[in-house]
Amino acid sequence: MPSVHLVSEEEAPPVPAAPAATSSWMGWGYLAAGAVLVAVIGTWLVWFSASIQRQFQQEDIRASCQRVMPETAERCYDTVVIQRGGVRR
């Protein structure tokens, strides 16, 4: 005995197709959610690139101070950061 029961079209009751429940408000909602997602990702990318750039600049300043004034490299670093308008760690 087969485990599958074949149903012919005469036996199957017709199932009415439900209309799509998408309204213009749902479209605007998806658009707003997408815009917020893009804004969050863009903000994070700007923050991340600024953080990377700041890190590279700090490394460059430290290397220059170590090369020019090895005995007072930390003081040199602090002075250069203050002169450039930065804040001490």
PDB file of N, CA and C in Angstrom:
ATOM      1  N   MET A   1       0.846  -1.168   0.000  1.00  0.00           N
ATOM      2  CA  MET A   1       0.000   0.000   0.000  1.00  0.00           C
ATOM      3  C   MET A   1       0.896   1.237   0.000  1.00  0.00           C
ATOM      4  N   PRO A   2       0.641   2.158  -0.896  1.00  0.00           N
ATOM      5  CA  PRO A   2       1.498   3.359  -0.970  1.00  0.00           C
ATOM      6  C   PRO A   2       1.236   4.300   0.206  1.00  0.00           C
ATOM      7  N   SER A   3       2.288   4.999   0.634  1.00  0.00           N
ATOM      8  CA  SER A   3       2.147   5.920   1.766  1.00  0.00           C
ATOM      9  C   SER A   3       1.674   7.299   1.325  1.00  0.00           C
ATOM     10  N   VAL A   4       1.489   7.484   0.036  1.00  0.00           N
ATOM     11  CA  VAL A   4       1.053   8.773  -0.493  1.00  0.00           C
ATOM     12  C   VAL A   4      -0.347   8.599  -1.068  1.00  0.00           C
ATOM     13  N   HIS A   5      -1.251   9.489  -0.725  1.00  0.00           N
ATOM     14  CA  HIS A   5      -2.615   9.454  -1.257  1.00  0.00           C
ATOM     15  C   HIS A   5      -2.734  10.539  -2.321  1.00  0.00           C
ATOM     16  N   LEU A   6      -2.931  10.164  -3.542  1.00  0.00           N
ATOM     17  CA  LEU A   6      -3.085  11.111  -4.631  1.00  0.00           C
ATOM     18  C   LEU A   6      -4.491  11.659  -4.627  1.00  0.00           C
ATOM     19  N   VAL A   7      -4.608  12.965  -4.742  1.00  0.00           N
ATOM     20  CA  VAL A   7      -5.907  13.623  -4.733  1.00  0.00           C
ATOM     21  C   VAL A   7      -6.150  14.176  -6.127  1.00  0.00           C
ATOM     22  N   SER A   8      -7.247  13.826  -6.692  1.00  0.00           N
ATOM     23  CA  SER A   8      -7.579  14.350  -8.008  1.00  0.00           C
ATOM     24  C   SER A   8      -8.218  15.725  -7.858  1.00  0.00           C
ATOM     25  N   GLU A   9      -8.334  16.427  -8.955  1.00  0.00           N
ATOM     26  CA  GLU A   9      -8.870  17.789  -8.898  1.00  0.00           C
ATOM     27  C   GLU A   9     -10.340  17.805  -8.494  1.00  0.00           C
ATOM     28  N   GLU A  10     -11.065  16.747  -8.774  1.00  0.00           N
ATOM     29  CA  GLU A  10     -12.462  16.705  -8.395  1.00  0.00           C
ATOM     30  C   GLU A  10     -12.615  16.594  -6.881  1.00  0.00           C
ATOM     31  N   GLU A  11     -11.706  15.909  -6.214  1.00  0.00           N
ATOM     32  CA  GLU A  11     -11.806  15.713  -4.781  1.00  0.00           C
ATOM     33  C   GLU A  11     -11.314  16.921  -3.983  1.00  0.00           C
ATOM     34  N   ALA A  12     -10.373  17.686  -4.547  1.00  0.00           N
ATOM     35  CA  ALA A  12      -9.788  18.810  -3.808  1.00  0.00           C
ATOM     36  C   ALA A  12     -10.717  20.013  -3.873  1.00  0.00           C
ATOM     37  N   PRO A  13     -11.023  20.586  -2.697  1.00  0.00           N
ATOM     38  CA  PRO A  13     -11.868  21.788  -2.719  1.00  0.00           C
ATOM     39  C   PRO A  13     -11.044  22.983  -3.203  1.00  0.00           C
ATOM     40  N   PRO A  14     -11.647  23.883  -3.922  1.00  0.00           N
ATOM     41  CA  PRO A  14     -10.893  25.052  -4.405  1.00  0.00           C
ATOM     42  C   PRO A  14     -10.535  25.970  -3.238  1.00  0.00           C
ATOM     43  N   VAL A  15      -9.295  26.400  -3.225  1.00  0.00           N
ATOM     44  CA  VAL A  15      -8.809  27.289  -2.172  1.00  0.00           C
ATOM     45  C   VAL A  15      -8.728  28.692  -2.761  1.00  0.00           C
ATOM     46  N   PRO A  16      -9.468  29.640  -2.190  1.00  0.00           N
ATOM     47  CA  PRO A  16      -9.398  30.996  -2.741  1.00  0.00           C
ATOM     48  C   PRO A  16      -8.032  31.630  -2.423  1.00  0.00           C
ATOM     49  N   ALA A  17      -7.506  32.326  -3.382  1.00  0.00           N
ATOM     50  CA  ALA A  17      -6.215  33.004  -3.195  1.00  0.00           C
ATOM     51  C   ALA A  17      -6.441  34.281  -2.400  1.00  0.00           C
ATOM     52  N   ALA A  18      -5.650  34.439  -1.341  1.00  0.00           N
ATOM     53  CA  ALA A  18      -5.770  35.637  -0.509  1.00  0.00           C
ATOM     54  C   ALA A  18      -5.093  36.808  -1.215  1.00  0.00           C
ATOM     55  N   PRO A  19      -5.718  37.974  -1.197  1.00  0.00           N
ATOM     56  CA  PRO A  19      -5.079  39.133  -1.824  1.00  0.00           C
ATOM     57  C   PRO A  19      -3.838  39.544  -1.024  1.00  0.00           C
ATOM     58  N   ALA A  20      -2.908  40.113  -1.707  1.00  0.00           N
ATOM     59  CA  ALA A  20      -1.668  40.554  -1.038  1.00  0.00           C
ATOM     60  C   ALA A  20      -2.003  41.631  -0.019  1.00  0.00           C
ATOM     61  N   ALA A  21      -1.435  41.490   1.157  1.00  0.00           N
ATOM     62  CA  ALA A  21      -1.750  42.407   2.250  1.00  0.00           C
ATOM     63  C   ALA A  21      -0.739  43.548   2.330  1.00  0.00           C
ATOM     64  N   THR A  22      -0.126  43.900   1.225  1.00  0.00           N
ATOM     65  CA  THR A  22       0.837  45.002   1.251  1.00  0.00           C
ATOM     66  C   THR A  22       0.112  46.300   0.950  1.00  0.00           C
ATOM     67  N   SER A  23       0.329  47.247   1.801  1.00  0.00           N
ATOM     68  CA  SER A  23      -0.273  48.552   1.594  1.00  0.00           C
ATOM     69  C   SER A  23       0.850  49.550   1.342  1.00  0.00           C
ATOM     70  N   SER A  24       0.462  50.757   1.033  1.00  0.00           N
ATOM     71  CA  SER A  24       1.489  51.776   0.795  1.00  0.00           C
ATOM     72  C   SER A  24       2.242  52.085   2.085  1.00  0.00           C
ATOM     73  N   TRP A  25       1.578  51.896   3.246  1.00  0.00           N
ATOM     74  CA  TRP A  25       2.259  52.149   4.520  1.00  0.00           C
ATOM     75  C   TRP A  25       3.366  51.142   4.774  1.00  0.00           C
ATOM     76  N   MET A  26       3.151  49.901   4.373  1.00  0.00           N
ATOM     77  CA  MET A  26       4.199  48.893   4.540  1.00  0.00           C
ATOM     78  C   MET A  26       5.395  49.234   3.660  1.00  0.00           C
ATOM     79  N   GLY A  27       5.124  49.715   2.468  1.00  0.00           N
ATOM     80  CA  GLY A  27       6.216  50.124   1.576  1.00  0.00           C
ATOM     81  C   GLY A  27       7.033  51.256   2.178  1.00  0.00           C
ATOM     82  N   TRP A  28       6.330  52.237   2.754  1.00  0.00           N
ATOM     83  CA  TRP A  28       7.035  53.356   3.394  1.00  0.00           C
ATOM     84  C   TRP A  28       7.793  52.881   4.636  1.00  0.00           C
ATOM     85  N   GLY A  29       7.221  51.905   5.336  1.00  0.00           N
ATOM     86  CA  GLY A  29       7.886  51.355   6.516  1.00  0.00           C
ATOM     87  C   GLY A  29       9.184  50.661   6.150  1.00  0.00           C
ATOM     88  N   TYR A  30       9.150  49.861   5.072  1.00  0.00           N
ATOM     89  CA  TYR A  30      10.370  49.202   4.613  1.00  0.00           C
ATOM     90  C   TYR A  30      11.396  50.227   4.150  1.00  0.00           C
ATOM     91  N   LEU A  31      10.937  51.263   3.479  1.00  0.00           N
ATOM     92  CA  LEU A  31      11.842  52.310   3.023  1.00  0.00           C
ATOM     93  C   LEU A  31      12.482  53.032   4.205  1.00  0.00           C
ATOM     94  N   ALA A  32      11.694  53.337   5.227  1.00  0.00           N
ATOM     95  CA  ALA A  32      12.226  54.009   6.414  1.00  0.00           C
ATOM     96  C   ALA A  32      13.211  53.103   7.156  1.00  0.00           C
ATOM     97  N   ALA A  33      12.884  51.821   7.288  1.00  0.00           N
ATOM     98  CA  ALA A  33      13.791  50.886   7.959  1.00  0.00           C
ATOM     99  C   ALA A  33      15.101  50.758   7.183  1.00  0.00           C
ATOM    100  N   GLY A  34      15.019  50.725   5.873  1.00  0.00           N
ATOM    101  CA  GLY A  34      16.227  50.661   5.053  1.00  0.00           C
ATOM    102  C   GLY A  34      17.068  51.914   5.182  1.00  0.00           C
ATOM    103  N   ALA A  35      16.400  53.073   5.229  1.00  0.00           N
ATOM    104  CA  ALA A  35      17.136  54.335   5.371  1.00  0.00           C
ATOM    105  C   ALA A  35      17.841  54.409   6.725  1.00  0.00           C
ATOM    106  N   VAL A  36      17.171  53.949   7.779  1.00  0.00           N
ATOM    107  CA  VAL A  36      17.798  53.947   9.107  1.00  0.00           C
ATOM    108  C   VAL A  36      18.988  52.998   9.118  1.00  0.00           C
ATOM    109  N   LEU A  37      18.836  51.840   8.515  1.00  0.00           N
ATOM    110  CA  LEU A  37      19.933  50.871   8.454  1.00  0.00           C
ATOM    111  C   LEU A  37      21.126  51.438   7.691  1.00  0.00           C
ATOM    112  N   VAL A  38      20.876  52.090   6.584  1.00  0.00           N
ATOM    113  CA  VAL A  38      21.960  52.707   5.803  1.00  0.00           C
ATOM    114  C   VAL A  38      22.636  53.814   6.606  1.00  0.00           C
ATOM    115  N   ALA A  39      21.854  54.609   7.323  1.00  0.00           N
ATOM    116  CA  ALA A  39      22.424  55.691   8.134  1.00  0.00           C
ATOM    117  C   ALA A  39      23.296  55.136   9.257  1.00  0.00           C
ATOM    118  N   VAL A  40      22.852  54.063   9.894  1.00  0.00           N
ATOM    119  CA  VAL A  40      23.642  53.467  10.983  1.00  0.00           C
ATOM    120  C   VAL A  40      24.945  52.894  10.446  1.00  0.00           C
ATOM    121  N   ILE A  41      24.865  52.175   9.339  1.00  0.00           N
ATOM    122  CA  ILE A  41      26.081  51.605   8.753  1.00  0.00           C
ATOM    123  C   ILE A  41      27.020  52.710   8.292  1.00  0.00           C
ATOM    124  N   GLY A  42      26.501  53.752   7.670  1.00  0.00           N
ATOM    125  CA  GLY A  42      27.336  54.864   7.222  1.00  0.00           C
ATOM    126  C   GLY A  42      27.998  55.596   8.374  1.00  0.00           C
ATOM    127  N   THR A  43      27.254  55.807   9.455  1.00  0.00           N
ATOM    128  CA  THR A  43      27.817  56.471  10.631  1.00  0.00           C
ATOM    129  C   THR A  43      28.946  55.636  11.225  1.00  0.00           C
ATOM    130  N   TRP A  44      28.735  54.332  11.300  1.00  0.00           N
ATOM    131  CA  TRP A  44      29.780  53.458  11.843  1.00  0.00           C
ATOM    132  C   TRP A  44      31.023  53.488  10.953  1.00  0.00           C
ATOM    133  N   LEU A  45      30.835  53.483   9.651  1.00  0.00           N
ATOM    134  CA  LEU A  45      31.990  53.525   8.745  1.00  0.00           C
ATOM    135  C   LEU A  45      32.777  54.824   8.900  1.00  0.00           C
ATOM    136  N   VAL A  46      32.084  55.951   9.054  1.00  0.00           N
ATOM    137  CA  VAL A  46      32.775  57.230   9.255  1.00  0.00           C
ATOM    138  C   VAL A  46      33.541  57.213  10.568  1.00  0.00           C
ATOM    139  N   TRP A  47      32.909  56.722  11.643  1.00  0.00           N
ATOM    140  CA  TRP A  47      33.583  56.636  12.938  1.00  0.00           C
ATOM    141  C   TRP A  47      34.798  55.725  12.865  1.00  0.00           C
ATOM    142  N   PHE A  48      34.661  54.584  12.208  1.00  0.00           N
ATOM    143  CA  PHE A  48      35.753  53.618  12.116  1.00  0.00           C
ATOM    144  C   PHE A  48      36.920  54.193  11.321  1.00  0.00           C
ATOM    145  N   SER A  49      36.653  54.878  10.216  1.00  0.00           N
ATOM    146  CA  SER A  49      37.742  55.457   9.416  1.00  0.00           C
ATOM    147  C   SER A  49      38.440  56.572  10.189  1.00  0.00           C
ATOM    148  N   ALA A  50      37.694  57.369  10.938  1.00  0.00           N
ATOM    149  CA  ALA A  50      38.314  58.417  11.760  1.00  0.00           C
ATOM    150  C   ALA A  50      39.175  57.804  12.851  1.00  0.00           C
ATOM    151  N   SER A  51      38.718  56.712  13.435  1.00  0.00           N
ATOM    152  CA  SER A  51      39.488  56.031  14.478  1.00  0.00           C
ATOM    153  C   SER A  51      40.790  55.468  13.912  1.00  0.00           C
ATOM    154  N   ILE A  52      40.719  54.852  12.755  1.00  0.00           N
ATOM    155  CA  ILE A  52      41.925  54.300  12.116  1.00  0.00           C
ATOM    156  C   ILE A  52      42.898  55.420  11.766  1.00  0.00           C
ATOM    157  N   GLN A  53      42.384  56.509  11.213  1.00  0.00           N
ATOM    158  CA  GLN A  53      43.247  57.636  10.851  1.00  0.00           C
ATOM    159  C   GLN A  53      43.922  58.225  12.086  1.00  0.00           C
ATOM    160  N   ARG A  54      43.186  58.387  13.172  1.00  0.00           N
ATOM    161  CA  ARG A  54      43.753  58.919  14.409  1.00  0.00           C
ATOM    162  C   ARG A  54      44.847  57.989  14.949  1.00  0.00           C
ATOM    163  N   GLN A  55      44.610  56.694  14.865  1.00  0.00           N
ATOM    164  CA  GLN A  55      45.599  55.729  15.339  1.00  0.00           C
ATOM    165  C   GLN A  55      46.894  55.827  14.518  1.00  0.00           C
ATOM    166  N   PHE A  56      46.776  55.932  13.206  1.00  0.00           N
ATOM    167  CA  PHE A  56      47.969  56.058  12.358  1.00  0.00           C
ATOM    168  C   PHE A  56      48.716  57.352  12.655  1.00  0.00           C
ATOM    169  N   GLN A  57      47.992  58.445  12.875  1.00  0.00           N
ATOM    170  CA  GLN A  57      48.645  59.708  13.195  1.00  0.00           C
ATOM    171  C   GLN A  57      49.391  59.623  14.521  1.00  0.00           C
ATOM    172  N   GLN A  58      48.793  58.979  15.515  1.00  0.00           N
ATOM    173  CA  GLN A  58      49.464  58.834  16.805  1.00  0.00           C
ATOM    174  C   GLN A  58      50.737  58.003  16.665  1.00  0.00           C
ATOM    175  N   GLU A  59      50.679  56.947  15.866  1.00  0.00           N
ATOM    176  CA  GLU A  59      51.874  56.127  15.651  1.00  0.00           C
ATOM    177  C   GLU A  59      52.970  56.928  14.950  1.00  0.00           C
ATOM    178  N   ASP A  60      52.571  57.746  13.971  1.00  0.00           N
ATOM    179  CA  ASP A  60      53.553  58.579  13.267  1.00  0.00           C
ATOM    180  C   ASP A  60      54.203  59.589  14.211  1.00  0.00           C
ATOM    181  N   ILE A  61      53.410  60.213  15.066  1.00  0.00           N
ATOM    182  CA  ILE A  61      53.943  61.191  16.015  1.00  0.00           C
ATOM    183  C   ILE A  61      54.899  60.505  16.985  1.00  0.00           C
ATOM    184  N   ARG A  62      54.505  59.348  17.497  1.00  0.00           N
ATOM    185  CA  ARG A  62      55.371  58.623  18.436  1.00  0.00           C
ATOM    186  C   ARG A  62      56.691  58.225  17.774  1.00  0.00           C
ATOM    187  N   ALA A  63      56.624  57.742  16.545  1.00  0.00           N
ATOM    188  CA  ALA A  63      57.840  57.338  15.838  1.00  0.00           C
ATOM    189  C   ALA A  63      58.745  58.537  15.601  1.00  0.00           C
ATOM    190  N   SER A  64      58.172  59.672  15.222  1.00  0.00           N
ATOM    191  CA  SER A  64      58.975  60.880  14.986  1.00  0.00           C
ATOM    192  C   SER A  64      59.612  61.370  16.278  1.00  0.00           C
ATOM    193  N   CYS A  65      58.854  61.367  17.357  1.00  0.00           N
ATOM    194  CA  CYS A  65      59.403  61.813  18.641  1.00  0.00           C
ATOM    195  C   CYS A  65      60.499  60.860  19.121  1.00  0.00           C
ATOM    196  N   GLN A  66      60.302  59.578  18.938  1.00  0.00           N
ATOM    197  CA  GLN A  66      61.317  58.604  19.347  1.00  0.00           C
ATOM    198  C   GLN A  66      62.594  58.782  18.536  1.00  0.00           C
ATOM    199  N   ARG A  67      62.444  59.112  17.270  1.00  0.00           N
ATOM    200  CA  ARG A  67      63.604  59.299  16.394  1.00  0.00           C
ATOM    201  C   ARG A  67      64.353  60.586  16.737  1.00  0.00           C
ATOM    202  N   VAL A  68      63.623  61.677  17.024  1.00  0.00           N
ATOM    203  CA  VAL A  68      64.253  62.984  17.256  1.00  0.00           C
ATOM    204  C   VAL A  68      64.713  63.147  18.704  1.00  0.00           C
ATOM    205  N   MET A  69      63.872  62.745  19.641  1.00  0.00           N
ATOM    206  CA  MET A  69      64.177  62.939  21.065  1.00  0.00           C
ATOM    207  C   MET A  69      63.926  61.637  21.827  1.00  0.00           C
ATOM    208  N   PRO A  70      64.794  60.657  21.715  1.00  0.00           N
ATOM    209  CA  PRO A  70      64.521  59.359  22.341  1.00  0.00           C
ATOM    210  C   PRO A  70      64.421  59.406  23.866  1.00  0.00           C
ATOM    211  N   GLU A  71      65.152  60.319  24.504  1.00  0.00           N
ATOM    212  CA  GLU A  71      65.122  60.354  25.970  1.00  0.00           C
ATOM    213  C   GLU A  71      63.847  60.997  26.513  1.00  0.00           C
ATOM    214  N   THR A  72      63.188  61.838  25.759  1.00  0.00           N
ATOM    215  CA  THR A  72      61.955  62.492  26.213  1.00  0.00           C
ATOM    216  C   THR A  72      60.838  62.309  25.186  1.00  0.00           C
ATOM    217  N   ALA A  73      60.687  61.099  24.718  1.00  0.00           N
ATOM    218  CA  ALA A  73      59.703  60.826  23.658  1.00  0.00           C
ATOM    219  C   ALA A  73      58.269  61.085  24.131  1.00  0.00           C
ATOM    220  N   GLU A  74      57.944  60.705  25.360  1.00  0.00           N
ATOM    221  CA  GLU A  74      56.577  60.917  25.863  1.00  0.00           C
ATOM    222  C   GLU A  74      56.251  62.398  25.989  1.00  0.00           C
ATOM    223  N   ARG A  75      57.201  63.164  26.479  1.00  0.00           N
ATOM    224  CA  ARG A  75      56.977  64.608  26.604  1.00  0.00           C
ATOM    225  C   ARG A  75      56.817  65.245  25.223  1.00  0.00           C
ATOM    226  N   CYS A  76      57.643  64.801  24.285  1.00  0.00           N
ATOM    227  CA  CYS A  76      57.534  65.285  22.903  1.00  0.00           C
ATOM    228  C   CYS A  76      56.156  64.951  22.332  1.00  0.00           C
ATOM    229  N   TYR A  77      55.709  63.709  22.541  1.00  0.00           N
ATOM    230  CA  TYR A  77      54.407  63.284  22.039  1.00  0.00           C
ATOM    231  C   TYR A  77      53.285  64.143  22.623  1.00  0.00           C
ATOM    232  N   ASP A  78      53.307  64.335  23.934  1.00  0.00           N
ATOM    233  CA  ASP A  78      52.290  65.159  24.584  1.00  0.00           C
ATOM    234  C   ASP A  78      52.279  66.579  24.027  1.00  0.00           C
ATOM    235  N   THR A  79      53.470  67.150  23.823  1.00  0.00           N
ATOM    236  CA  THR A  79      53.570  68.516  23.310  1.00  0.00           C
ATOM    237  C   THR A  79      52.986  68.616  21.909  1.00  0.00           C
ATOM    238  N   VAL A  80      53.337  67.673  21.050  1.00  0.00           N
ATOM    239  CA  VAL A  80      52.833  67.708  19.670  1.00  0.00           C
ATOM    240  C   VAL A  80      51.321  67.516  19.646  1.00  0.00           C
ATOM    241  N   VAL A  81      50.802  66.611  20.441  1.00  0.00           N
ATOM    242  CA  VAL A  81      49.345  66.378  20.465  1.00  0.00           C
ATOM    243  C   VAL A  81      48.630  67.636  20.955  1.00  0.00           C
ATOM    244  N   ILE A  82      49.150  68.269  21.997  1.00  0.00           N
ATOM    245  CA  ILE A  82      48.530  69.497  22.519  1.00  0.00           C
ATOM    246  C   ILE A  82      48.593  70.609  21.481  1.00  0.00           C
ATOM    247  N   GLN A  83      49.731  70.750  20.797  1.00  0.00           N
ATOM    248  CA  GLN A  83      49.862  71.804  19.785  1.00  0.00           C
ATOM    249  C   GLN A  83      48.913  71.588  18.617  1.00  0.00           C
ATOM    250  N   ARG A  84      48.614  70.343  18.310  1.00  0.00           N
ATOM    251  CA  ARG A  84      47.695  70.038  17.205  1.00  0.00           C
ATOM    252  C   ARG A  84      46.234  70.124  17.643  1.00  0.00           C
ATOM    253  N   GLY A  85      45.992  70.411  18.911  1.00  0.00           N
ATOM    254  CA  GLY A  85      44.617  70.563  19.373  1.00  0.00           C
ATOM    255  C   GLY A  85      43.994  69.281  19.887  1.00  0.00           C
ATOM    256  N   GLY A  86      44.813  68.267  20.091  1.00  0.00           N
ATOM    257  CA  GLY A  86      44.290  67.011  20.598  1.00  0.00           C
ATOM    258  C   GLY A  86      44.255  67.002  22.107  1.00  0.00           C
ATOM    259  N   VAL A  87      43.758  65.931  22.652  1.00  0.00           N
ATOM    260  CA  VAL A  87      43.647  65.788  24.098  1.00  0.00           C
ATOM    261  C   VAL A  87      44.578  64.667  24.522  1.00  0.00           C
ATOM    262  N   ARG A  88      45.188  64.853  25.642  1.00  0.00           N
ATOM    263  CA  ARG A  88      46.077  63.828  26.194  1.00  0.00           C
ATOM    264  C   ARG A  88      45.241  62.612  26.561  1.00  0.00           C
ATOM    265  N   ARG A  89      45.748  61.419  26.220  1.00  0.00           N
ATOM    266  CA  ARG A  89      45.062  60.158  26.495  1.00  0.00           C
ATOM    267  C   ARG A  89      44.337  60.280  27.780  1.00  0.00           C
TER     268      ARG A  89
END
